[in-house]
Amino acid sequence: MNWRAGNRSCLPNPTGARGSVHAPTSFCGLHSGAVYRALHRLEANGYVTSSWDTSGSGPARRLCTLTPSGYEHLAEWVDVMGEIASSLGSLVKASRRALSGSKAAALA
């Protein structure tokens, strides 16, 4: 999975390529400390493996790889988030209908 750091995108590489990637220094506006704490928890639960990449110039960078159970966990998480997104979409639509009815009543 290839995470694009340094922009506003929180999405993995849309090609779905699997492999090791460098841990981002920021992700979706989160500070690097929060990102690394989350990565450490994922590693402790067996969802991610990591190592240090010292091959390039500059400071060492953390290299992260999803494990097979990590991919399963991610698939479950995506399903749950899809259900939440659907529920929130329904709530937004209902709220807009209620607000448009309130506007019409207020103008009458």
PDB file of N, CA and C in Angstrom:
ATOM      1  N   MET A   1       0.833  -1.155   0.000  1.00  0.00           N
ATOM      2  CA  MET A   1       0.000   0.000   0.000  1.00  0.00           C
ATOM      3  C   MET A   1       0.889   1.233   0.000  1.00  0.00           C
ATOM      4  N   ASN A   2       0.612   2.164  -0.855  1.00  0.00           N
ATOM      5  CA  ASN A   2       1.440   3.347  -0.987  1.00  0.00           C
ATOM      6  C   ASN A   2       0.689   4.556  -0.465  1.00  0.00           C
ATOM      7  N   TRP A   3       1.135   5.105   0.661  1.00  0.00           N
ATOM      8  CA  TRP A   3       0.463   6.271   1.249  1.00  0.00           C
ATOM      9  C   TRP A   3       1.124   7.518   0.729  1.00  0.00           C
ATOM     10  N   ARG A   4       0.314   8.454   0.273  1.00  0.00           N
ATOM     11  CA  ARG A   4       0.829   9.707  -0.250  1.00  0.00           C
ATOM     12  C   ARG A   4       0.843  10.729   0.874  1.00  0.00           C
ATOM     13  N   ALA A   5       2.029  11.021   1.368  1.00  0.00           N
ATOM     14  CA  ALA A   5       2.150  11.980   2.469  1.00  0.00           C
ATOM     15  C   ALA A   5       2.413  13.374   1.903  1.00  0.00           C
ATOM     16  N   GLY A   6       2.125  14.369   2.705  1.00  0.00           N
ATOM     17  CA  GLY A   6       2.454  15.723   2.333  1.00  0.00           C
ATOM     18  C   GLY A   6       1.365  16.426   1.543  1.00  0.00           C
ATOM     19  N   ASN A   7       0.248  15.763   1.284  1.00  0.00           N
ATOM     20  CA  ASN A   7      -0.883  16.451   0.675  1.00  0.00           C
ATOM     21  C   ASN A   7      -2.124  16.129   1.475  1.00  0.00           C
ATOM     22  N   ARG A   8      -3.264  16.525   0.992  1.00  0.00           N
ATOM     23  CA  ARG A   8      -4.486  16.334   1.766  1.00  0.00           C
ATOM     24  C   ARG A   8      -5.098  14.951   1.573  1.00  0.00           C
ATOM     25  N   SER A   9      -4.549  14.160   0.691  1.00  0.00           N
ATOM     26  CA  SER A   9      -5.134  12.856   0.424  1.00  0.00           C
ATOM     27  C   SER A   9      -4.785  11.876   1.531  1.00  0.00           C
ATOM     28  N   CYS A  10      -5.786  11.112   1.967  1.00  0.00           N
ATOM     29  CA  CYS A  10      -5.582  10.084   2.984  1.00  0.00           C
ATOM     30  C   CYS A  10      -5.706   8.707   2.358  1.00  0.00           C
ATOM     31  N   LEU A  11      -5.774   8.650   1.060  1.00  0.00           N
ATOM     32  CA  LEU A  11      -6.087   7.395   0.393  1.00  0.00           C
ATOM     33  C   LEU A  11      -4.839   6.634   0.004  1.00  0.00           C
ATOM     34  N   PRO A  12      -4.910   5.307   0.056  1.00  0.00           N
ATOM     35  CA  PRO A  12      -3.797   4.511  -0.454  1.00  0.00           C
ATOM     36  C   PRO A  12      -3.721   4.638  -1.956  1.00  0.00           C
ATOM     37  N   ASN A  13      -2.618   4.230  -2.514  1.00  0.00           N
ATOM     38  CA  ASN A  13      -2.424   4.243  -3.954  1.00  0.00           C
ATOM     39  C   ASN A  13      -3.605   3.562  -4.642  1.00  0.00           C
ATOM     40  N   PRO A  14      -4.286   4.258  -5.571  1.00  0.00           N
ATOM     41  CA  PRO A  14      -5.465   3.675  -6.201  1.00  0.00           C
ATOM     42  C   PRO A  14      -5.171   2.448  -7.060  1.00  0.00           C
ATOM     43  N   THR A  15      -3.905   2.206  -7.372  1.00  0.00           N
ATOM     44  CA  THR A  15      -3.579   1.018  -8.145  1.00  0.00           C
ATOM     45  C   THR A  15      -3.697  -0.234  -7.292  1.00  0.00           C
ATOM     46  N   GLY A  16      -3.753  -0.044  -5.975  1.00  0.00           N
ATOM     47  CA  GLY A  16      -3.874  -1.190  -5.077  1.00  0.00           C
ATOM     48  C   GLY A  16      -2.587  -1.983  -4.956  1.00  0.00           C
ATOM     49  N   ALA A  17      -1.466  -1.381  -5.345  1.00  0.00           N
ATOM     50  CA  ALA A  17      -0.193  -2.089  -5.294  1.00  0.00           C
ATOM     51  C   ALA A  17       0.144  -2.479  -3.860  1.00  0.00           C
ATOM     52  N   ARG A  18       0.598  -3.701  -3.695  1.00  0.00           N
ATOM     53  CA  ARG A  18       1.002  -4.165  -2.369  1.00  0.00           C
ATOM     54  C   ARG A  18       2.518  -4.133  -2.272  1.00  0.00           C
ATOM     55  N   GLY A  19       2.996  -3.872  -1.078  1.00  0.00           N
ATOM     56  CA  GLY A  19       4.423  -3.848  -0.861  1.00  0.00           C
ATOM     57  C   GLY A  19       4.748  -2.990   0.328  1.00  0.00           C
ATOM     58  N   SER A  20       6.025  -2.761   0.545  1.00  0.00           N
ATOM     59  CA  SER A  20       6.479  -1.952   1.669  1.00  0.00           C
ATOM     60  C   SER A  20       6.516  -0.490   1.264  1.00  0.00           C
ATOM     61  N   VAL A  21       6.180   0.363   2.195  1.00  0.00           N
ATOM     62  CA  VAL A  21       6.226   1.801   1.949  1.00  0.00           C
ATOM     63  C   VAL A  21       6.830   2.495   3.148  1.00  0.00           C
ATOM     64  N   HIS A  22       7.348   3.695   2.919  1.00  0.00           N
ATOM     65  CA  HIS A  22       7.870   4.487   4.014  1.00  0.00           C
ATOM     66  C   HIS A  22       6.716   5.081   4.799  1.00  0.00           C
ATOM     67  N   ALA A  23       6.843   5.075   6.098  1.00  0.00           N
ATOM     68  CA  ALA A  23       5.819   5.674   6.963  1.00  0.00           C
ATOM     69  C   ALA A  23       5.812   7.176   6.732  1.00  0.00           C
ATOM     70  N   PRO A  24       4.631   7.764   6.587  1.00  0.00           N
ATOM     71  CA  PRO A  24       4.563   9.209   6.348  1.00  0.00           C
ATOM     72  C   PRO A  24       4.911   9.995   7.601  1.00  0.00           C
ATOM     73  N   THR A  25       5.440  11.201   7.395  1.00  0.00           N
ATOM     74  CA  THR A  25       5.724  12.066   8.538  1.00  0.00           C
ATOM     75  C   THR A  25       4.463  12.785   8.975  1.00  0.00           C
ATOM     76  N   SER A  26       3.496  12.895   8.085  1.00  0.00           N
ATOM     77  CA  SER A  26       2.180  13.399   8.462  1.00  0.00           C
ATOM     78  C   SER A  26       1.172  12.666   7.595  1.00  0.00           C
ATOM     79  N   PHE A  27      -0.033  12.534   8.091  1.00  0.00           N
ATOM     80  CA  PHE A  27      -1.032  11.755   7.373  1.00  0.00           C
ATOM     81  C   PHE A  27      -2.397  12.314   7.714  1.00  0.00           C
ATOM     82  N   CYS A  28      -3.102  12.809   6.730  1.00  0.00           N
ATOM     83  CA  CYS A  28      -4.454  13.356   6.946  1.00  0.00           C
ATOM     84  C   CYS A  28      -4.455  14.431   8.026  1.00  0.00           C
ATOM     85  N   GLY A  29      -3.391  15.218   8.091  1.00  0.00           N
ATOM     86  CA  GLY A  29      -3.333  16.281   9.075  1.00  0.00           C
ATOM     87  C   GLY A  29      -2.895  15.840  10.462  1.00  0.00           C
ATOM     88  N   LEU A  30      -2.587  14.559  10.636  1.00  0.00           N
ATOM     89  CA  LEU A  30      -2.139  14.063  11.941  1.00  0.00           C
ATOM     90  C   LEU A  30      -0.646  14.310  12.102  1.00  0.00           C
ATOM     91  N   HIS A  31      -0.232  14.609  13.302  1.00  0.00           N
ATOM     92  CA  HIS A  31       1.181  14.786  13.619  1.00  0.00           C
ATOM     93  C   HIS A  31       1.899  13.442  13.512  1.00  0.00           C
ATOM     94  N   SER A  32       3.163  13.465  13.177  1.00  0.00           N
ATOM     95  CA  SER A  32       3.924  12.227  13.009  1.00  0.00           C
ATOM     96  C   SER A  32       3.893  11.354  14.254  1.00  0.00           C
ATOM     97  N   GLY A  33       3.847  11.954  15.437  1.00  0.00           N
ATOM     98  CA  GLY A  33       3.784  11.171  16.675  1.00  0.00           C
ATOM     99  C   GLY A  33       2.543  10.310  16.728  1.00  0.00           C
ATOM    100  N   ALA A  34       1.406  10.873  16.308  1.00  0.00           N
ATOM    101  CA  ALA A  34       0.154  10.109  16.284  1.00  0.00           C
ATOM    102  C   ALA A  34       0.215   8.997  15.242  1.00  0.00           C
ATOM    103  N   VAL A  35       0.818   9.298  14.106  1.00  0.00           N
ATOM    104  CA  VAL A  35       0.946   8.289  13.045  1.00  0.00           C
ATOM    105  C   VAL A  35       1.807   7.130  13.546  1.00  0.00           C
ATOM    106  N   TYR A  36       2.938   7.451  14.155  1.00  0.00           N
ATOM    107  CA  TYR A  36       3.832   6.386  14.629  1.00  0.00           C
ATOM    108  C   TYR A  36       3.219   5.587  15.775  1.00  0.00           C
ATOM    109  N   ARG A  37       2.460   6.250  16.672  1.00  0.00           N
ATOM    110  CA  ARG A  37       1.777   5.497  17.731  1.00  0.00           C
ATOM    111  C   ARG A  37       0.791   4.506  17.123  1.00  0.00           C
ATOM    112  N   ALA A  38       0.050   4.945  16.113  1.00  0.00           N
ATOM    113  CA  ALA A  38      -0.906   4.047  15.448  1.00  0.00           C
ATOM    114  C   ALA A  38      -0.167   2.902  14.764  1.00  0.00           C
ATOM    115  N   LEU A  39       0.934   3.200  14.093  1.00  0.00           N
ATOM    116  CA  LEU A  39       1.714   2.138  13.437  1.00  0.00           C
ATOM    117  C   LEU A  39       2.256   1.144  14.449  1.00  0.00           C
ATOM    118  N   HIS A  40       2.709   1.621  15.599  1.00  0.00           N
ATOM    119  CA  HIS A  40       3.214   0.712  16.643  1.00  0.00           C
ATOM    120  C   HIS A  40       2.096  -0.201  17.164  1.00  0.00           C
ATOM    121  N   ARG A  41       0.893   0.356  17.341  1.00  0.00           N
ATOM    122  CA  ARG A  41      -0.244  -0.481  17.777  1.00  0.00           C
ATOM    123  C   ARG A  41      -0.572  -1.522  16.716  1.00  0.00           C
ATOM    124  N   LEU A  42      -0.566  -1.108  15.447  1.00  0.00           N
ATOM    125  CA  LEU A  42      -0.844  -2.057  14.363  1.00  0.00           C
ATOM    126  C   LEU A  42       0.217  -3.158  14.328  1.00  0.00           C
ATOM    127  N   GLU A  43       1.465  -2.771  14.562  1.00  0.00           N
ATOM    128  CA  GLU A  43       2.546  -3.760  14.585  1.00  0.00           C
ATOM    129  C   GLU A  43       2.398  -4.702  15.776  1.00  0.00           C
ATOM    130  N   ALA A  44       2.048  -4.170  16.943  1.00  0.00           N
ATOM    131  CA  ALA A  44       1.860  -5.001  18.133  1.00  0.00           C
ATOM    132  C   ALA A  44       0.727  -6.005  17.943  1.00  0.00           C
ATOM    133  N   ASN A  45      -0.268  -5.639  17.145  1.00  0.00           N
ATOM    134  CA  ASN A  45      -1.399  -6.541  16.871  1.00  0.00           C
ATOM    135  C   ASN A  45      -1.151  -7.466  15.678  1.00  0.00           C
ATOM    136  N   GLY A  46       0.028  -7.368  15.074  1.00  0.00           N
ATOM    137  CA  GLY A  46       0.380  -8.267  13.979  1.00  0.00           C
ATOM    138  C   GLY A  46      -0.168  -7.853  12.624  1.00  0.00           C
ATOM    139  N   TYR A  47      -0.629  -6.594  12.491  1.00  0.00           N
ATOM    140  CA  TYR A  47      -1.192  -6.134  11.222  1.00  0.00           C
ATOM    141  C   TYR A  47      -0.149  -5.497  10.310  1.00  0.00           C
ATOM    142  N   VAL A  48       0.978  -5.082  10.896  1.00  0.00           N
ATOM    143  CA  VAL A  48       2.033  -4.380  10.158  1.00  0.00           C
ATOM    144  C   VAL A  48       3.378  -4.896  10.637  1.00  0.00           C
ATOM    145  N   THR A  49       4.322  -5.013   9.729  1.00  0.00           N
ATOM    146  CA  THR A  49       5.715  -5.227  10.109  1.00  0.00           C
ATOM    147  C   THR A  49       6.478  -3.981   9.668  1.00  0.00           C
ATOM    148  N   SER A  50       7.573  -3.682  10.338  1.00  0.00           N
ATOM    149  CA  SER A  50       8.335  -2.502   9.962  1.00  0.00           C
ATOM    150  C   SER A  50       9.813  -2.726  10.211  1.00  0.00           C
ATOM    151  N   SER A  51      10.597  -1.937   9.511  1.00  0.00           N
ATOM    152  CA  SER A  51      12.049  -1.945   9.675  1.00  0.00           C
ATOM    153  C   SER A  51      12.547  -0.558   9.304  1.00  0.00           C
ATOM    154  N   TRP A  52      13.804  -0.299   9.572  1.00  0.00           N
ATOM    155  CA  TRP A  52      14.385   0.994   9.237  1.00  0.00           C
ATOM    156  C   TRP A  52      15.109   0.909   7.904  1.00  0.00           C
ATOM    157  N   ASP A  53      14.853   1.866   7.038  1.00  0.00           N
ATOM    158  CA  ASP A  53      15.526   1.964   5.738  1.00  0.00           C
ATOM    159  C   ASP A  53      16.618   3.014   5.868  1.00  0.00           C
ATOM    160  N   THR A  54      17.864   2.574   5.785  1.00  0.00           N
ATOM    161  CA  THR A  54      18.999   3.490   5.894  1.00  0.00           C
ATOM    162  C   THR A  54      19.731   3.626   4.566  1.00  0.00           C
ATOM    163  N   SER A  55      19.107   3.160   3.485  1.00  0.00           N
ATOM    164  CA  SER A  55      19.791   3.126   2.194  1.00  0.00           C
ATOM    165  C   SER A  55      19.902   4.495   1.521  1.00  0.00           C
ATOM    166  N   GLY A  56      18.987   5.394   1.774  1.00  0.00           N
ATOM    167  CA  GLY A  56      19.017   6.700   1.110  1.00  0.00           C
ATOM    168  C   GLY A  56      19.827   7.711   1.880  1.00  0.00           C
ATOM    169  N   SER A  57      19.946   8.894   1.285  1.00  0.00           N
ATOM    170  CA  SER A  57      20.615   9.974   2.003  1.00  0.00           C
ATOM    171  C   SER A  57      19.631  10.553   3.006  1.00  0.00           C
ATOM    172  N   GLY A  58      20.148  11.178   4.015  1.00  0.00           N
ATOM    173  CA  GLY A  58      19.279  11.749   5.027  1.00  0.00           C
ATOM    174  C   GLY A  58      19.006  10.763   6.141  1.00  0.00           C
ATOM    175  N   PRO A  59      18.077  11.134   7.004  1.00  0.00           N
ATOM    176  CA  PRO A  59      17.790  10.267   8.156  1.00  0.00           C
ATOM    177  C   PRO A  59      17.129   8.953   7.739  1.00  0.00           C
ATOM    178  N   ALA A  60      17.276   7.961   8.596  1.00  0.00           N
ATOM    179  CA  ALA A  60      16.630   6.666   8.356  1.00  0.00           C
ATOM    180  C   ALA A  60      15.123   6.862   8.331  1.00  0.00           C
ATOM    181  N   ARG A  61      14.462   6.051   7.506  1.00  0.00           N
ATOM    182  CA  ARG A  61      13.000   6.133   7.407  1.00  0.00           C
ATOM    183  C   ARG A  61      12.406   4.775   7.734  1.00  0.00           C
ATOM    184  N   ARG A  62      11.246   4.808   8.383  1.00  0.00           N
ATOM    185  CA  ARG A  62      10.550   3.583   8.783  1.00  0.00           C
ATOM    186  C   ARG A  62       9.884   2.984   7.552  1.00  0.00           C
ATOM    187  N   LEU A  63      10.122   1.704   7.287  1.00  0.00           N
ATOM    188  CA  LEU A  63       9.540   0.983   6.165  1.00  0.00           C
ATOM    189  C   LEU A  63       8.466   0.050   6.705  1.00  0.00           C
ATOM    190  N   CYS A  64       7.219   0.216   6.259  1.00  0.00           N
ATOM    191  CA  CYS A  64       6.081  -0.529   6.801  1.00  0.00           C
ATOM    192  C   CYS A  64       5.458  -1.421   5.741  1.00  0.00           C
ATOM    193  N   THR A  65       5.033  -2.605   6.176  1.00  0.00           N
ATOM    194  CA  THR A  65       4.392  -3.571   5.290  1.00  0.00           C
ATOM    195  C   THR A  65       3.189  -4.171   5.995  1.00  0.00           C
ATOM    196  N   LEU A  66       2.039  -4.194   5.309  1.00  0.00           N
ATOM    197  CA  LEU A  66       0.866  -4.871   5.873  1.00  0.00           C
ATOM    198  C   LEU A  66       1.074  -6.372   5.823  1.00  0.00           C
ATOM    199  N   THR A  67       0.696  -7.050   6.878  1.00  0.00           N
ATOM    200  CA  THR A  67       0.744  -8.511   6.914  1.00  0.00           C
ATOM    201  C   THR A  67      -0.562  -9.049   6.311  1.00  0.00           C
ATOM    202  N   PRO A  68      -0.640 -10.352   6.039  1.00  0.00           N
ATOM    203  CA  PRO A  68      -1.917 -10.911   5.560  1.00  0.00           C
ATOM    204  C   PRO A  68      -3.077 -10.607   6.509  1.00  0.00           C
ATOM    205  N   SER A  69      -2.849 -10.719   7.831  1.00  0.00           N
ATOM    206  CA  SER A  69      -3.930 -10.380   8.758  1.00  0.00           C
ATOM    207  C   SER A  69      -4.214  -8.879   8.744  1.00  0.00           C
ATOM    208  N   GLY A  70      -3.211  -8.073   8.416  1.00  0.00           N
ATOM    209  CA  GLY A  70      -3.406  -6.629   8.274  1.00  0.00           C
ATOM    210  C   GLY A  70      -4.331  -6.311   7.115  1.00  0.00           C
ATOM    211  N   TYR A  71      -4.169  -7.033   6.002  1.00  0.00           N
ATOM    212  CA  TYR A  71      -5.074  -6.839   4.859  1.00  0.00           C
ATOM    213  C   TYR A  71      -6.497  -7.248   5.227  1.00  0.00           C
ATOM    214  N   GLU A  72      -6.636  -8.333   5.973  1.00  0.00           N
ATOM    215  CA  GLU A  72      -7.979  -8.764   6.409  1.00  0.00           C
ATOM    216  C   GLU A  72      -8.604  -7.708   7.321  1.00  0.00           C
ATOM    217  N   HIS A  73      -7.817  -7.197   8.264  1.00  0.00           N
ATOM    218  CA  HIS A  73      -8.297  -6.174   9.181  1.00  0.00           C
ATOM    219  C   HIS A  73      -8.689  -4.906   8.411  1.00  0.00           C
ATOM    220  N   LEU A  74      -7.884  -4.528   7.435  1.00  0.00           N
ATOM    221  CA  LEU A  74      -8.180  -3.356   6.620  1.00  0.00           C
ATOM    222  C   LEU A  74      -9.483  -3.549   5.852  1.00  0.00           C
ATOM    223  N   ALA A  75      -9.695  -4.741   5.285  1.00  0.00           N
ATOM    224  CA  ALA A  75     -10.932  -5.020   4.554  1.00  0.00           C
ATOM    225  C   ALA A  75     -12.146  -4.898   5.473  1.00  0.00           C
ATOM    226  N   GLU A  76     -12.034  -5.409   6.693  1.00  0.00           N
ATOM    227  CA  GLU A  76     -13.129  -5.295   7.660  1.00  0.00           C
ATOM    228  C   GLU A  76     -13.379  -3.828   8.012  1.00  0.00           C
ATOM    229  N   TRP A  77     -12.310  -3.077   8.218  1.00  0.00           N
ATOM    230  CA  TRP A  77     -12.410  -1.668   8.568  1.00  0.00           C
ATOM    231  C   TRP A  77     -13.070  -0.884   7.433  1.00  0.00           C
ATOM    232  N   VAL A  78     -12.703  -1.190   6.206  1.00  0.00           N
ATOM    233  CA  VAL A  78     -13.304  -0.503   5.050  1.00  0.00           C
ATOM    234  C   VAL A  78     -14.802  -0.791   4.990  1.00  0.00           C
ATOM    235  N   ASP A  79     -15.207  -2.031   5.265  1.00  0.00           N
ATOM    236  CA  ASP A  79     -16.642  -2.365   5.283  1.00  0.00           C
ATOM    237  C   ASP A  79     -17.373  -1.563   6.358  1.00  0.00           C
ATOM    238  N   VAL A  80     -16.803  -1.510   7.556  1.00  0.00           N
ATOM    239  CA  VAL A  80     -17.429  -0.766   8.650  1.00  0.00           C
ATOM    240  C   VAL A  80     -17.522   0.716   8.297  1.00  0.00           C
ATOM    241  N   MET A  81     -16.437   1.278   7.776  1.00  0.00           N
ATOM    242  CA  MET A  81     -16.447   2.692   7.414  1.00  0.00           C
ATOM    243  C   MET A  81     -17.454   2.961   6.292  1.00  0.00           C
ATOM    244  N   GLY A  82     -17.631   2.028   5.382  1.00  0.00           N
ATOM    245  CA  GLY A  82     -18.642   2.178   4.336  1.00  0.00           C
ATOM    246  C   GLY A  82     -20.040   2.234   4.918  1.00  0.00           C
ATOM    247  N   GLU A  83     -20.306   1.387   5.910  1.00  0.00           N
ATOM    248  CA  GLU A  83     -21.618   1.399   6.571  1.00  0.00           C
ATOM    249  C   GLU A  83     -21.841   2.717   7.315  1.00  0.00           C
ATOM    250  N   ILE A  84     -20.804   3.201   7.976  1.00  0.00           N
ATOM    251  CA  ILE A  84     -20.909   4.480   8.680  1.00  0.00           C
ATOM    252  C   ILE A  84     -21.141   5.613   7.683  1.00  0.00           C
ATOM    253  N   ALA A  85     -20.405   5.602   6.580  1.00  0.00           N
ATOM    254  CA  ALA A  85     -20.574   6.641   5.559  1.00  0.00           C
ATOM    255  C   ALA A  85     -21.986   6.629   4.994  1.00  0.00           C
ATOM    256  N   SER A  86     -22.529   5.442   4.763  1.00  0.00           N
ATOM    257  CA  SER A  86     -23.895   5.331   4.256  1.00  0.00           C
ATOM    258  C   SER A  86     -24.896   5.895   5.259  1.00  0.00           C
ATOM    259  N   SER A  87     -24.720   5.558   6.529  1.00  0.00           N
ATOM    260  CA  SER A  87     -25.610   6.074   7.579  1.00  0.00           C
ATOM    261  C   SER A  87     -25.522   7.589   7.677  1.00  0.00           C
ATOM    262  N   LEU A  88     -24.305   8.118   7.610  1.00  0.00           N
ATOM    263  CA  LEU A  88     -24.143   9.568   7.670  1.00  0.00           C
ATOM    264  C   LEU A  88     -24.763  10.242   6.449  1.00  0.00           C
ATOM    265  N   GLY A  89     -24.646   9.610   5.287  1.00  0.00           N
ATOM    266  CA  GLY A  89     -25.268  10.150   4.081  1.00  0.00           C
ATOM    267  C   GLY A  89     -26.779  10.232   4.225  1.00  0.00           C
ATOM    268  N   SER A  90     -27.372   9.201   4.808  1.00  0.00           N
ATOM    269  CA  SER A  90     -28.818   9.202   5.042  1.00  0.00           C
ATOM    270  C   SER A  90     -29.204  10.306   6.027  1.00  0.00           C
ATOM    271  N   LEU A  91     -28.411  10.497   7.055  1.00  0.00           N
ATOM    272  CA  LEU A  91     -28.674  11.538   8.034  1.00  0.00           C
ATOM    273  C   LEU A  91     -28.595  12.927   7.388  1.00  0.00           C
ATOM    274  N   VAL A  92     -27.604  13.142   6.549  1.00  0.00           N
ATOM    275  CA  VAL A  92     -27.447  14.428   5.868  1.00  0.00           C
ATOM    276  C   VAL A  92     -28.648  14.694   4.960  1.00  0.00           C
ATOM    277  N   LYS A  93     -29.079  13.696   4.191  1.00  0.00           N
ATOM    278  CA  LYS A  93     -30.233  13.863   3.306  1.00  0.00           C
ATOM    279  C   LYS A  93     -31.491  14.192   4.097  1.00  0.00           C
ATOM    280  N   ALA A  94     -31.726  13.473   5.187  1.00  0.00           N
ATOM    281  CA  ALA A  94     -32.904  13.724   6.017  1.00  0.00           C
ATOM    282  C   ALA A  94     -32.837  15.115   6.635  1.00  0.00           C
ATOM    283  N   SER A  95     -31.663  15.527   7.064  1.00  0.00           N
ATOM    284  CA  SER A  95     -31.495  16.854   7.656  1.00  0.00           C
ATOM    285  C   SER A  95     -31.757  17.943   6.626  1.00  0.00           C
ATOM    286  N   ARG A  96     -31.279  17.753   5.399  1.00  0.00           N
ATOM    287  CA  ARG A  96     -31.531  18.737   4.341  1.00  0.00           C
ATOM    288  C   ARG A  96     -33.023  18.843   4.034  1.00  0.00           C
ATOM    289  N   ARG A  97     -33.699  17.701   4.007  1.00  0.00           N
ATOM    290  CA  ARG A  97     -35.157  17.727   3.767  1.00  0.00           C
ATOM    291  C   ARG A  97     -35.859  18.485   4.889  1.00  0.00           C
ATOM    292  N   ALA A  98     -35.460  18.218   6.126  1.00  0.00           N
ATOM    293  CA  ALA A  98     -36.076  18.894   7.264  1.00  0.00           C
ATOM    294  C   ALA A  98     -35.803  20.396   7.217  1.00  0.00           C
ATOM    295  N   LEU A  99     -34.591  20.764   6.860  1.00  0.00           N
ATOM    296  CA  LEU A  99     -34.257  22.188   6.784  1.00  0.00           C
ATOM    297  C   LEU A  99     -35.011  22.887   5.658  1.00  0.00           C
ATOM    298  N   SER A 100     -35.139  22.233   4.519  1.00  0.00           N
ATOM    299  CA  SER A 100     -35.868  22.870   3.416  1.00  0.00           C
ATOM    300  C   SER A 100     -37.330  23.029   3.768  1.00  0.00           C
ATOM    301  N   GLY A 101     -37.906  22.091   4.517  1.00  0.00           N
ATOM    302  CA  GLY A 101     -39.286  22.233   4.984  1.00  0.00           C
ATOM    303  C   GLY A 101     -39.429  23.369   5.987  1.00  0.00           C
ATOM    304  N   SER A 102     -38.425  23.542   6.832  1.00  0.00           N
ATOM    305  CA  SER A 102     -38.436  24.625   7.827  1.00  0.00           C
ATOM    306  C   SER A 102     -38.364  25.988   7.138  1.00  0.00           C
ATOM    307  N   LYS A 103     -37.554  26.096   6.082  1.00  0.00           N
ATOM    308  CA  LYS A 103     -37.446  27.351   5.342  1.00  0.00           C
ATOM    309  C   LYS A 103     -38.779  27.719   4.716  1.00  0.00           C
ATOM    310  N   ALA A 104     -39.440  26.730   4.092  1.00  0.00           N
ATOM    311  CA  ALA A 104     -40.718  26.979   3.440  1.00  0.00           C
ATOM    312  C   ALA A 104     -41.751  27.430   4.465  1.00  0.00           C
ATOM    313  N   ALA A 105     -41.762  26.794   5.629  1.00  0.00           N
ATOM    314  CA  ALA A 105     -42.732  27.152   6.676  1.00  0.00           C
ATOM    315  C   ALA A 105     -42.435  28.556   7.218  1.00  0.00           C
ATOM    316  N   ALA A 106     -41.155  28.910   7.342  1.00  0.00           N
ATOM    317  CA  ALA A 106     -40.778  30.209   7.879  1.00  0.00           C
ATOM    318  C   ALA A 106     -41.140  31.336   6.900  1.00  0.00           C
ATOM    319  N   LEU A 107     -41.081  31.033   5.595  1.00  0.00           N
ATOM    320  CA  LEU A 107     -41.394  32.046   4.589  1.00  0.00           C
ATOM    321  C   LEU A 107     -42.886  32.247   4.399  1.00  0.00           C
ATOM    322  N   ALA A 108     -43.689  31.303   4.843  1.00  0.00           N
ATOM    323  CA  ALA A 108     -45.149  31.383   4.629  1.00  0.00           C
ATOM    324  C   ALA A 108     -45.828  32.331   5.571  1.00  0.00           C
TER     325      ALA A 108
END
